[in-house]
């Protein structure tokens, strides 16, 4: 998964995919070994016991989780972190709060955003 996300972001200069269905298709088309991977993650959320709204939110969270997991393996998979950092910057978050989130791996640093 890391190699796919790296290729899409760094080599092909594609934007981060946030739509769960689009993300699933992208993974499965890029690597047949990942067919069903996202579905298995989703099944782990016990969707049968939750509302459609909760299930849709969980799918979005799983997409984010995949990006964060891939970024552990490759520091250049940081599109989602850059988007979070940009959002924080434009929302008026303090430099120290952006850097704190960067230190725990949830955002890029303030220097990267500005």
PDB file of N, CA and C in Angstrom:
ATOM      1  N   UNK A   1       0.826  -1.184   0.000  1.00  0.00           N
ATOM      2  CA  UNK A   1       0.000   0.000   0.000  1.00  0.00           C
ATOM      3  C   UNK A   1       0.877   1.258   0.000  1.00  0.00           C
ATOM      4  N   UNK A   2       1.965   1.231   0.773  1.00  0.00           N
ATOM      5  CA  UNK A   2       2.841   2.400   0.842  1.00  0.00           C
ATOM      6  C   UNK A   2       3.396   2.770  -0.525  1.00  0.00           C
ATOM      7  N   UNK A   3       3.814   1.764  -1.276  1.00  0.00           N
ATOM      8  CA  UNK A   3       4.401   2.058  -2.589  1.00  0.00           C
ATOM      9  C   UNK A   3       3.374   2.666  -3.539  1.00  0.00           C
ATOM     10  N   UNK A   4       2.132   2.243  -3.426  1.00  0.00           N
ATOM     11  CA  UNK A   4       1.068   2.790  -4.273  1.00  0.00           C
ATOM     12  C   UNK A   4       0.810   4.249  -3.919  1.00  0.00           C
ATOM     13  N   UNK A   5       0.671   4.523  -2.635  1.00  0.00           N
ATOM     14  CA  UNK A   5       0.388   5.892  -2.202  1.00  0.00           C
ATOM     15  C   UNK A   5       1.569   6.814  -2.494  1.00  0.00           C
ATOM     16  N   UNK A   6       2.794   6.304  -2.332  1.00  0.00           N
ATOM     17  CA  UNK A   6       3.983   7.090  -2.657  1.00  0.00           C
ATOM     18  C   UNK A   6       3.996   7.437  -4.145  1.00  0.00           C
ATOM     19  N   UNK A   7       3.772   6.439  -4.976  1.00  0.00           N
ATOM     20  CA  UNK A   7       3.780   6.660  -6.425  1.00  0.00           C
ATOM     21  C   UNK A   7       2.735   7.700  -6.819  1.00  0.00           C
ATOM     22  N   UNK A   8       1.524   7.559  -6.276  1.00  0.00           N
ATOM     23  CA  UNK A   8       0.456   8.494  -6.628  1.00  0.00           C
ATOM     24  C   UNK A   8       0.776   9.916  -6.183  1.00  0.00           C
ATOM     25  N   UNK A   9       1.307  10.067  -4.977  1.00  0.00           N
ATOM     26  CA  UNK A   9       1.559  11.406  -4.445  1.00  0.00           C
ATOM     27  C   UNK A   9       2.829  12.032  -4.998  1.00  0.00           C
ATOM     28  N   UNK A  10       3.939  11.325  -4.930  1.00  0.00           N
ATOM     29  CA  UNK A  10       5.231  11.919  -5.260  1.00  0.00           C
ATOM     30  C   UNK A  10       5.573  11.848  -6.746  1.00  0.00           C
ATOM     31  N   UNK A  11       5.291  10.734  -7.369  1.00  0.00           N
ATOM     32  CA  UNK A  11       5.690  10.570  -8.764  1.00  0.00           C
ATOM     33  C   UNK A  11       4.635  11.076  -9.738  1.00  0.00           C
ATOM     34  N   UNK A  12       3.380  10.737  -9.476  1.00  0.00           N
ATOM     35  CA  UNK A  12       2.299  11.146 -10.372  1.00  0.00           C
ATOM     36  C   UNK A  12       1.668  12.478  -9.976  1.00  0.00           C
ATOM     37  N   UNK A  13       2.070  13.012  -8.813  1.00  0.00           N
ATOM     38  CA  UNK A  13       1.590  14.319  -8.314  1.00  0.00           C
ATOM     39  C   UNK A  13       0.067  14.370  -8.193  1.00  0.00           C
ATOM     40  N   UNK A  14      -0.528  13.248  -7.786  1.00  0.00           N
ATOM     41  CA  UNK A  14      -1.979  13.209  -7.604  1.00  0.00           C
ATOM     42  C   UNK A  14      -2.350  13.717  -6.216  1.00  0.00           C
ATOM     43  N   UNK A  15      -3.548  14.237  -6.118  1.00  0.00           N
ATOM     44  CA  UNK A  15      -4.047  14.707  -4.830  1.00  0.00           C
ATOM     45  C   UNK A  15      -4.425  13.516  -3.961  1.00  0.00           C
ATOM     46  N   UNK A  16      -4.447  13.762  -2.658  1.00  0.00           N
ATOM     47  CA  UNK A  16      -4.866  12.743  -1.706  1.00  0.00           C
ATOM     48  C   UNK A  16      -6.323  12.375  -1.970  1.00  0.00           C
ATOM     49  N   UNK A  17      -6.612  11.097  -1.975  1.00  0.00           N
ATOM     50  CA  UNK A  17      -7.979  10.611  -2.211  1.00  0.00           C
ATOM     51  C   UNK A  17      -8.652  10.408  -0.862  1.00  0.00           C
ATOM     52  N   UNK A  18      -9.744  11.121  -0.636  1.00  0.00           N
ATOM     53  CA  UNK A  18     -10.470  11.010   0.627  1.00  0.00           C
ATOM     54  C   UNK A  18     -11.756  10.201   0.508  1.00  0.00           C
ATOM     55  N   UNK A  19     -12.275  10.057  -0.686  1.00  0.00           N
ATOM     56  CA  UNK A  19     -13.504   9.293  -0.888  1.00  0.00           C
ATOM     57  C   UNK A  19     -13.203   7.804  -0.693  1.00  0.00           C
ATOM     58  N   UNK A  20     -13.878   7.142   0.257  1.00  0.00           N
ATOM     59  CA  UNK A  20     -13.576   5.736   0.545  1.00  0.00           C
ATOM     60  C   UNK A  20     -13.737   4.801  -0.652  1.00  0.00           C
ATOM     61  N   UNK A  21     -14.768   4.987  -1.449  1.00  0.00           N
ATOM     62  CA  UNK A  21     -14.982   4.114  -2.605  1.00  0.00           C
ATOM     63  C   UNK A  21     -13.888   4.317  -3.646  1.00  0.00           C
ATOM     64  N   UNK A  22     -13.537   5.554  -3.882  1.00  0.00           N
ATOM     65  CA  UNK A  22     -12.470   5.873  -4.830  1.00  0.00           C
ATOM     66  C   UNK A  22     -11.125   5.328  -4.331  1.00  0.00           C
ATOM     67  N   UNK A  23     -10.881   5.465  -3.028  1.00  0.00           N
ATOM     68  CA  UNK A  23      -9.645   4.974  -2.416  1.00  0.00           C
ATOM     69  C   UNK A  23      -9.538   3.455  -2.577  1.00  0.00           C
ATOM     70  N   UNK A  24     -10.618   2.755  -2.300  1.00  0.00           N
ATOM     71  CA  UNK A  24     -10.657   1.297  -2.413  1.00  0.00           C
ATOM     72  C   UNK A  24     -10.370   0.861  -3.847  1.00  0.00           C
ATOM     73  N   UNK A  25     -11.013   1.504  -4.801  1.00  0.00           N
ATOM     74  CA  UNK A  25     -10.805   1.174  -6.215  1.00  0.00           C
ATOM     75  C   UNK A  25      -9.356   1.424  -6.612  1.00  0.00           C
ATOM     76  N   UNK A  26      -8.804   2.553  -6.164  1.00  0.00           N
ATOM     77  CA  UNK A  26      -7.421   2.885  -6.495  1.00  0.00           C
ATOM     78  C   UNK A  26      -6.466   1.810  -5.985  1.00  0.00           C
ATOM     79  N   UNK A  27      -6.644   1.380  -4.743  1.00  0.00           N
ATOM     80  CA  UNK A  27      -5.778   0.335  -4.178  1.00  0.00           C
ATOM     81  C   UNK A  27      -5.908  -0.970  -4.954  1.00  0.00           C
ATOM     82  N   UNK A  28      -7.139  -1.382  -5.204  1.00  0.00           N
ATOM     83  CA  UNK A  28      -7.381  -2.674  -5.840  1.00  0.00           C
ATOM     84  C   UNK A  28      -6.935  -2.703  -7.294  1.00  0.00           C
ATOM     85  N   UNK A  29      -7.031  -1.570  -7.985  1.00  0.00           N
ATOM     86  CA  UNK A  29      -6.565  -1.522  -9.376  1.00  0.00           C
ATOM     87  C   UNK A  29      -5.044  -1.521  -9.449  1.00  0.00           C
ATOM     88  N   UNK A  30      -4.410  -0.950  -8.441  1.00  0.00           N
ATOM     89  CA  UNK A  30      -2.953  -0.860  -8.445  1.00  0.00           C
ATOM     90  C   UNK A  30      -2.282  -2.165  -8.030  1.00  0.00           C
ATOM     91  N   UNK A  31      -2.955  -2.942  -7.181  1.00  0.00           N
ATOM     92  CA  UNK A  31      -2.346  -4.176  -6.678  1.00  0.00           C
ATOM     93  C   UNK A  31      -3.437  -5.201  -6.375  1.00  0.00           C
ATOM     94  N   UNK A  32      -3.460  -6.264  -7.144  1.00  0.00           N
ATOM     95  CA  UNK A  32      -4.488  -7.301  -6.964  1.00  0.00           C
ATOM     96  C   UNK A  32      -4.430  -7.931  -5.575  1.00  0.00           C
ATOM     97  N   UNK A  33      -3.269  -7.903  -4.936  1.00  0.00           N
ATOM     98  CA  UNK A  33      -3.149  -8.462  -3.584  1.00  0.00           C
ATOM     99  C   UNK A  33      -3.952  -7.656  -2.566  1.00  0.00           C
ATOM    100  N   UNK A  34      -4.319  -6.427  -2.925  1.00  0.00           N
ATOM    101  CA  UNK A  34      -5.083  -5.574  -2.011  1.00  0.00           C
ATOM    102  C   UNK A  34      -6.591  -5.653  -2.249  1.00  0.00           C
ATOM    103  N   UNK A  35      -7.009  -6.517  -3.145  1.00  0.00           N
ATOM    104  CA  UNK A  35      -8.451  -6.693  -3.358  1.00  0.00           C
ATOM    105  C   UNK A  35      -9.055  -7.253  -2.070  1.00  0.00           C
ATOM    106  N   UNK A  36     -10.034  -6.555  -1.560  1.00  0.00           N
ATOM    107  CA  UNK A  36     -10.690  -6.968  -0.326  1.00  0.00           C
ATOM    108  C   UNK A  36     -10.063  -6.411   0.940  1.00  0.00           C
ATOM    109  N   UNK A  37      -8.875  -5.800   0.835  1.00  0.00           N
ATOM    110  CA  UNK A  37      -8.187  -5.260   2.016  1.00  0.00           C
ATOM    111  C   UNK A  37      -9.033  -4.212   2.735  1.00  0.00           C
ATOM    112  N   UNK A  38      -9.515  -3.233   1.980  1.00  0.00           N
ATOM    113  CA  UNK A  38     -10.310  -2.169   2.594  1.00  0.00           C
ATOM    114  C   UNK A  38     -11.615  -2.731   3.151  1.00  0.00           C
ATOM    115  N   UNK A  39     -12.195  -3.688   2.442  1.00  0.00           N
ATOM    116  CA  UNK A  39     -13.431  -4.320   2.918  1.00  0.00           C
ATOM    117  C   UNK A  39     -13.212  -5.022   4.255  1.00  0.00           C
ATOM    118  N   UNK A  40     -12.060  -5.664   4.415  1.00  0.00           N
ATOM    119  CA  UNK A  40     -11.753  -6.338   5.681  1.00  0.00           C
ATOM    120  C   UNK A  40     -11.598  -5.327   6.813  1.00  0.00           C
ATOM    121  N   UNK A  41     -10.945  -4.218   6.520  1.00  0.00           N
ATOM    122  CA  UNK A  41     -10.839  -3.163   7.539  1.00  0.00           C
ATOM    123  C   UNK A  41     -12.229  -2.684   7.944  1.00  0.00           C
ATOM    124  N   UNK A  42     -13.064  -2.485   6.945  1.00  0.00           N
ATOM    125  CA  UNK A  42     -14.425  -2.009   7.192  1.00  0.00           C
ATOM    126  C   UNK A  42     -15.225  -3.015   8.018  1.00  0.00           C
ATOM    127  N   UNK A  43     -15.104  -4.301   7.692  1.00  0.00           N
ATOM    128  CA  UNK A  43     -15.816  -5.330   8.459  1.00  0.00           C
ATOM    129  C   UNK A  43     -15.407  -5.304   9.927  1.00  0.00           C
ATOM    130  N   UNK A  44     -14.172  -4.910  10.189  1.00  0.00           N
ATOM    131  CA  UNK A  44     -13.680  -4.825  11.560  1.00  0.00           C
ATOM    132  C   UNK A  44     -14.359  -3.753  12.385  1.00  0.00           C
ATOM    133  N   UNK A  45     -15.101  -2.874  11.735  1.00  0.00           N
ATOM    134  CA  UNK A  45     -15.821  -1.819  12.465  1.00  0.00           C
ATOM    135  C   UNK A  45     -17.217  -2.268  12.884  1.00  0.00           C
ATOM    136  N   UNK A  46     -17.559  -3.525  12.608  1.00  0.00           N
ATOM    137  CA  UNK A  46     -18.889  -4.077  12.924  1.00  0.00           C
ATOM    138  C   UNK A  46     -20.013  -3.241  12.311  1.00  0.00           C
ATOM    139  N   UNK A  47     -20.010  -3.095  10.989  1.00  0.00           N
ATOM    140  CA  UNK A  47     -20.986  -2.213  10.339  1.00  0.00           C
ATOM    141  C   UNK A  47     -22.443  -2.637  10.514  1.00  0.00           C
ATOM    142  N   UNK A  48     -22.685  -3.906  10.758  1.00  0.00           N
ATOM    143  CA  UNK A  48     -24.072  -4.376  10.904  1.00  0.00           C
ATOM    144  C   UNK A  48     -24.749  -3.824  12.147  1.00  0.00           C
ATOM    145  N   UNK A  49     -23.956  -3.350  13.089  1.00  0.00           N
ATOM    146  CA  UNK A  49     -24.524  -2.845  14.344  1.00  0.00           C
ATOM    147  C   UNK A  49     -24.598  -1.324  14.377  1.00  0.00           C
ATOM    148  N   UNK A  50     -24.276  -0.678  13.250  1.00  0.00           N
ATOM    149  CA  UNK A  50     -24.195   0.784  13.231  1.00  0.00           C
ATOM    150  C   UNK A  50     -25.094   1.380  12.151  1.00  0.00           C
ATOM    151  N   UNK A  51     -25.372   2.656  12.306  1.00  0.00           N
ATOM    152  CA  UNK A  51     -26.198   3.360  11.322  1.00  0.00           C
ATOM    153  C   UNK A  51     -25.391   3.629  10.056  1.00  0.00           C
ATOM    154  N   UNK A  52     -26.088   3.954   8.990  1.00  0.00           N
ATOM    155  CA  UNK A  52     -25.422   4.255   7.717  1.00  0.00           C
ATOM    156  C   UNK A  52     -24.492   5.456   7.861  1.00  0.00           C
ATOM    157  N   UNK A  53     -24.934   6.463   8.594  1.00  0.00           N
ATOM    158  CA  UNK A  53     -24.107   7.657   8.801  1.00  0.00           C
ATOM    159  C   UNK A  53     -22.809   7.292   9.522  1.00  0.00           C
ATOM    160  N   UNK A  54     -22.916   6.492  10.571  1.00  0.00           N
ATOM    161  CA  UNK A  54     -21.726   6.063  11.308  1.00  0.00           C
ATOM    162  C   UNK A  54     -20.820   5.221  10.422  1.00  0.00           C
ATOM    163  N   UNK A  55     -21.404   4.331   9.634  1.00  0.00           N
ATOM    164  CA  UNK A  55     -20.606   3.502   8.727  1.00  0.00           C
ATOM    165  C   UNK A  55     -19.867   4.349   7.699  1.00  0.00           C
ATOM    166  N   UNK A  56     -20.517   5.366   7.149  1.00  0.00           N
ATOM    167  CA  UNK A  56     -19.858   6.255   6.191  1.00  0.00           C
ATOM    168  C   UNK A  56     -18.712   7.011   6.856  1.00  0.00           C
ATOM    169  N   UNK A  57     -18.932   7.482   8.079  1.00  0.00           N
ATOM    170  CA  UNK A  57     -17.863   8.168   8.810  1.00  0.00           C
ATOM    171  C   UNK A  57     -16.704   7.218   9.104  1.00  0.00           C
ATOM    172  N   UNK A  58     -17.023   5.989   9.447  1.00  0.00           N
ATOM    173  CA  UNK A  58     -15.969   5.007   9.717  1.00  0.00           C
ATOM    174  C   UNK A  58     -15.142   4.713   8.471  1.00  0.00           C
ATOM    175  N   UNK A  59     -15.782   4.657   7.315  1.00  0.00           N
ATOM    176  CA  UNK A  59     -15.041   4.440   6.067  1.00  0.00           C
ATOM    177  C   UNK A  59     -14.055   5.581   5.827  1.00  0.00           C
ATOM    178  N   UNK A  60     -14.493   6.807   6.087  1.00  0.00           N
ATOM    179  CA  UNK A  60     -13.605   7.963   5.920  1.00  0.00           C
ATOM    180  C   UNK A  60     -12.436   7.891   6.894  1.00  0.00           C
ATOM    181  N   UNK A  61     -12.713   7.465   8.107  1.00  0.00           N
ATOM    182  CA  UNK A  61     -11.647   7.319   9.106  1.00  0.00           C
ATOM    183  C   UNK A  61     -10.656   6.237   8.690  1.00  0.00           C
ATOM    184  N   UNK A  62     -11.154   5.180   8.071  1.00  0.00           N
ATOM    185  CA  UNK A  62     -10.271   4.110   7.611  1.00  0.00           C
ATOM    186  C   UNK A  62      -9.348   4.587   6.494  1.00  0.00           C
ATOM    187  N   UNK A  63      -9.844   5.446   5.619  1.00  0.00           N
ATOM    188  CA  UNK A  63      -8.987   6.021   4.577  1.00  0.00           C
ATOM    189  C   UNK A  63      -7.851   6.798   5.238  1.00  0.00           C
ATOM    190  N   UNK A  64      -8.187   7.633   6.211  1.00  0.00           N
ATOM    191  CA  UNK A  64      -7.161   8.391   6.930  1.00  0.00           C
ATOM    192  C   UNK A  64      -6.180   7.454   7.615  1.00  0.00           C
ATOM    193  N   UNK A  65      -6.691   6.416   8.238  1.00  0.00           N
ATOM    194  CA  UNK A  65      -5.836   5.441   8.913  1.00  0.00           C
ATOM    195  C   UNK A  65      -4.849   4.815   7.933  1.00  0.00           C
ATOM    196  N   UNK A  66      -5.315   4.476   6.751  1.00  0.00           N
ATOM    197  CA  UNK A  66      -4.426   3.894   5.740  1.00  0.00           C
ATOM    198  C   UNK A  66      -3.300   4.856   5.384  1.00  0.00           C
ATOM    199  N   UNK A  67      -3.630   6.127   5.204  1.00  0.00           N
ATOM    200  CA  UNK A  67      -2.589   7.110   4.898  1.00  0.00           C
ATOM    201  C   UNK A  67      -1.600   7.244   6.048  1.00  0.00           C
ATOM    202  N   UNK A  68      -2.103   7.285   7.281  1.00  0.00           N
ATOM    203  CA  UNK A  68      -1.211   7.410   8.431  1.00  0.00           C
ATOM    204  C   UNK A  68      -0.332   6.173   8.586  1.00  0.00           C
ATOM    205  N   UNK A  69      -0.896   4.987   8.386  1.00  0.00           N
ATOM    206  CA  UNK A  69      -0.093   3.767   8.466  1.00  0.00           C
ATOM    207  C   UNK A  69       0.981   3.747   7.377  1.00  0.00           C
ATOM    208  N   UNK A  70       0.613   4.139   6.180  1.00  0.00           N
ATOM    209  CA  UNK A  70       1.584   4.167   5.085  1.00  0.00           C
ATOM    210  C   UNK A  70       2.683   5.186   5.355  1.00  0.00           C
ATOM    211  N   UNK A  71       2.345   6.287   6.019  1.00  0.00           N
ATOM    212  CA  UNK A  71       3.349   7.319   6.299  1.00  0.00           C
ATOM    213  C   UNK A  71       4.360   6.864   7.342  1.00  0.00           C
ATOM    214  N   UNK A  72       4.010   5.868   8.142  1.00  0.00           N
ATOM    215  CA  UNK A  72       4.981   5.309   9.087  1.00  0.00           C
ATOM    216  C   UNK A  72       6.090   4.614   8.309  1.00  0.00           C
ATOM    217  N   UNK A  73       5.724   3.982   7.222  1.00  0.00           N
ATOM    218  CA  UNK A  73       6.672   3.249   6.391  1.00  0.00           C
ATOM    219  C   UNK A  73       7.439   4.159   5.427  1.00  0.00           C
ATOM    220  N   UNK A  74       6.857   5.304   5.079  1.00  0.00           N
ATOM    221  CA  UNK A  74       7.489   6.197   4.109  1.00  0.00           C
ATOM    222  C   UNK A  74       7.123   7.638   4.440  1.00  0.00           C
ATOM    223  N   UNK A  75       8.112   8.415   4.871  1.00  0.00           N
ATOM    224  CA  UNK A  75       7.851   9.788   5.317  1.00  0.00           C
ATOM    225  C   UNK A  75       7.362  10.699   4.196  1.00  0.00           C
ATOM    226  N   UNK A  76       7.518  10.279   2.957  1.00  0.00           N
ATOM    227  CA  UNK A  76       7.086  11.116   1.841  1.00  0.00           C
ATOM    228  C   UNK A  76       5.604  10.962   1.512  1.00  0.00           C
ATOM    229  N   UNK A  77       4.928  10.069   2.187  1.00  0.00           N
ATOM    230  CA  UNK A  77       3.475   9.948   2.029  1.00  0.00           C
ATOM    231  C   UNK A  77       2.859  10.864   3.079  1.00  0.00           C
ATOM    232  N   UNK A  78       2.792  12.145   2.750  1.00  0.00           N
ATOM    233  CA  UNK A  78       2.363  13.125   3.750  1.00  0.00           C
ATOM    234  C   UNK A  78       1.249  14.037   3.252  1.00  0.00           C
ATOM    235  N   UNK A  79       0.564  13.649   2.196  1.00  0.00           N
ATOM    236  CA  UNK A  79      -0.493  14.492   1.638  1.00  0.00           C
ATOM    237  C   UNK A  79      -1.580  14.820   2.639  1.00  0.00           C
ATOM    238  N   UNK A  80      -2.020  13.821   3.390  1.00  0.00           N
ATOM    239  CA  UNK A  80      -3.079  14.062   4.371  1.00  0.00           C
ATOM    240  C   UNK A  80      -2.569  14.959   5.495  1.00  0.00           C
ATOM    241  N   UNK A  81      -1.309  14.765   5.883  1.00  0.00           N
ATOM    242  CA  UNK A  81      -0.728  15.600   6.939  1.00  0.00           C
ATOM    243  C   UNK A  81      -0.574  17.040   6.461  1.00  0.00           C
ATOM    244  N   UNK A  82      -0.217  17.221   5.197  1.00  0.00           N
ATOM    245  CA  UNK A  82      -0.099  18.568   4.637  1.00  0.00           C
ATOM    246  C   UNK A  82      -1.461  19.249   4.582  1.00  0.00           C
ATOM    247  N   UNK A  83      -2.492  18.495   4.225  1.00  0.00           N
ATOM    248  CA  UNK A  83      -3.846  19.058   4.196  1.00  0.00           C
ATOM    249  C   UNK A  83      -4.295  19.468   5.596  1.00  0.00           C
ATOM    250  N   UNK A  84      -3.987  18.648   6.585  1.00  0.00           N
ATOM    251  CA  UNK A  84      -4.336  18.985   7.971  1.00  0.00           C
ATOM    252  C   UNK A  84      -3.575  20.229   8.407  1.00  0.00           C
ATOM    253  N   UNK A  85      -2.286  20.288   8.105  1.00  0.00           N
ATOM    254  CA  UNK A  85      -1.483  21.457   8.465  1.00  0.00           C
ATOM    255  C   UNK A  85      -1.986  22.724   7.800  1.00  0.00           C
ATOM    256  N   UNK A  86      -2.345  22.642   6.535  1.00  0.00           N
ATOM    257  CA  UNK A  86      -2.880  23.809   5.822  1.00  0.00           C
ATOM    258  C   UNK A  86      -4.198  24.263   6.425  1.00  0.00           C
ATOM    259  N   UNK A  87      -5.039  23.302   6.765  1.00  0.00           N
ATOM    260  CA  UNK A  87      -6.316  23.637   7.402  1.00  0.00           C
ATOM    261  C   UNK A  87      -6.077  24.349   8.733  1.00  0.00           C
ATOM    262  N   UNK A  88      -5.171  23.821   9.527  1.00  0.00           N
ATOM    263  CA  UNK A  88      -4.875  24.441  10.823  1.00  0.00           C
ATOM    264  C   UNK A  88      -4.340  25.861  10.641  1.00  0.00           C
ATOM    265  N   UNK A  89      -3.444  26.018   9.684  1.00  0.00           N
ATOM    266  CA  UNK A  89      -2.850  27.341   9.419  1.00  0.00           C
ATOM    267  C   UNK A  89      -3.914  28.350   9.011  1.00  0.00           C
ATOM    268  N   UNK A  90      -4.786  27.966   8.081  1.00  0.00           N
ATOM    269  CA  UNK A  90      -5.815  28.897   7.609  1.00  0.00           C
ATOM    270  C   UNK A  90      -6.910  29.122   8.646  1.00  0.00           C
ATOM    271  N   UNK A  91      -7.026  28.199   9.594  1.00  0.00           N
ATOM    272  CA  UNK A  91      -8.023  28.352  10.660  1.00  0.00           C
ATOM    273  C   UNK A  91      -7.509  29.198  11.814  1.00  0.00           C
ATOM    274  N   UNK A  92      -6.254  29.599  11.733  1.00  0.00           N
ATOM    275  CA  UNK A  92      -5.697  30.454  12.773  1.00  0.00           C
ATOM    276  C   UNK A  92      -5.106  29.710  13.950  1.00  0.00           C
ATOM    277  N   UNK A  93      -4.808  28.432  13.788  1.00  0.00           N
ATOM    278  CA  UNK A  93      -4.183  27.673  14.876  1.00  0.00           C
ATOM    279  C   UNK A  93      -2.789  28.227  15.140  1.00  0.00           C
ATOM    280  N   UNK A  94      -2.382  28.179  16.377  1.00  0.00           N
ATOM    281  CA  UNK A  94      -1.066  28.709  16.744  1.00  0.00           C
ATOM    282  C   UNK A  94       0.037  27.832  16.159  1.00  0.00           C
ATOM    283  N   UNK A  95       1.202  28.454  15.988  1.00  0.00           N
ATOM    284  CA  UNK A  95       2.353  27.727  15.460  1.00  0.00           C
ATOM    285  C   UNK A  95       2.708  26.555  16.364  1.00  0.00           C
ATOM    286  N   UNK A  96       2.626  26.770  17.667  1.00  0.00           N
ATOM    287  CA  UNK A  96       2.995  25.692  18.592  1.00  0.00           C
ATOM    288  C   UNK A  96       2.006  24.530  18.518  1.00  0.00           C
ATOM    289  N   UNK A  97       0.725  24.816  18.278  1.00  0.00           N
ATOM    290  CA  UNK A  97      -0.240  23.712  18.178  1.00  0.00           C
ATOM    291  C   UNK A  97      -0.011  22.911  16.898  1.00  0.00           C
ATOM    292  N   UNK A  98       0.324  23.588  15.808  1.00  0.00           N
ATOM    293  CA  UNK A  98       0.622  22.882  14.553  1.00  0.00           C
ATOM    294  C   UNK A  98       1.862  22.016  14.731  1.00  0.00           C
ATOM    295  N   UNK A  99       2.887  22.576  15.360  1.00  0.00           N
ATOM    296  CA  UNK A  99       4.118  21.813  15.572  1.00  0.00           C
ATOM    297  C   UNK A  99       3.913  20.655  16.543  1.00  0.00           C
ATOM    298  N   UNK A 100       3.052  20.837  17.528  1.00  0.00           N
ATOM    299  CA  UNK A 100       2.749  19.739  18.454  1.00  0.00           C
ATOM    300  C   UNK A 100       2.096  18.585  17.702  1.00  0.00           C
ATOM    301  N   UNK A 101       1.130  18.899  16.845  1.00  0.00           N
ATOM    302  CA  UNK A 101       0.487  17.852  16.047  1.00  0.00           C
ATOM    303  C   UNK A 101       1.480  17.209  15.076  1.00  0.00           C
ATOM    304  N   UNK A 102       2.432  17.997  14.584  1.00  0.00           N
ATOM    305  CA  UNK A 102       3.471  17.443  13.711  1.00  0.00           C
ATOM    306  C   UNK A 102       4.363  16.480  14.496  1.00  0.00           C
ATOM    307  N   UNK A 103       4.683  16.840  15.723  1.00  0.00           N
ATOM    308  CA  UNK A 103       5.547  15.990  16.542  1.00  0.00           C
ATOM    309  C   UNK A 103       4.920  14.637  16.852  1.00  0.00           C
ATOM    310  N   UNK A 104       3.603  14.577  16.908  1.00  0.00           N
ATOM    311  CA  UNK A 104       2.952  13.288  17.162  1.00  0.00           C
ATOM    312  C   UNK A 104       2.509  12.605  15.863  1.00  0.00           C
ATOM    313  N   UNK A 105       2.884  13.190  14.727  1.00  0.00           N
ATOM    314  CA  UNK A 105       2.658  12.541  13.439  1.00  0.00           C
ATOM    315  C   UNK A 105       1.309  12.772  12.795  1.00  0.00           C
ATOM    316  N   UNK A 106       0.574  13.789  13.249  1.00  0.00           N
ATOM    317  CA  UNK A 106      -0.756  14.031  12.683  1.00  0.00           C
ATOM    318  C   UNK A 106      -0.793  15.170  11.672  1.00  0.00           C
ATOM    319  N   UNK A 107       0.292  15.911  11.551  1.00  0.00           N
ATOM    320  CA  UNK A 107       0.340  17.052  10.645  1.00  0.00           C
ATOM    321  C   UNK A 107       1.781  17.239  10.191  1.00  0.00           C
ATOM    322  N   UNK A 108       1.969  18.092   9.205  1.00  0.00           N
ATOM    323  CA  UNK A 108       3.318  18.529   8.872  1.00  0.00           C
ATOM    324  C   UNK A 108       3.650  19.704   9.776  1.00  0.00           C
ATOM    325  N   UNK A 109       4.914  20.058   9.857  1.00  0.00           N
ATOM    326  CA  UNK A 109       5.321  21.154  10.735  1.00  0.00           C
ATOM    327  C   UNK A 109       4.866  22.497  10.175  1.00  0.00           C
ATOM    328  N   UNK A 110       4.885  23.480  11.020  1.00  0.00           N
ATOM    329  CA  UNK A 110       4.488  24.833  10.630  1.00  0.00           C
ATOM    330  C   UNK A 110       5.367  25.336   9.492  1.00  0.00           C
ATOM    331  N   UNK A 111       6.654  25.011   9.521  1.00  0.00           N
ATOM    332  CA  UNK A 111       7.577  25.448   8.459  1.00  0.00           C
ATOM    333  C   UNK A 111       7.161  24.882   7.103  1.00  0.00           C
ATOM    334  N   UNK A 112       6.642  23.675   7.100  1.00  0.00           N
ATOM    335  CA  UNK A 112       6.205  23.047   5.850  1.00  0.00           C
ATOM    336  C   UNK A 112       4.955  23.720   5.310  1.00  0.00           C
ATOM    337  N   UNK A 113       4.075  24.140   6.216  1.00  0.00           N
ATOM    338  CA  UNK A 113       2.803  24.749   5.820  1.00  0.00           C
ATOM    339  C   UNK A 113       3.018  26.138   5.250  1.00  0.00           C
ATOM    340  N   UNK A 114       3.880  26.923   5.880  1.00  0.00           N
ATOM    341  CA  UNK A 114       4.051  28.322   5.452  1.00  0.00           C
ATOM    342  C   UNK A 114       5.032  28.475   4.332  1.00  0.00           C
TER     343      UNK A 114
END
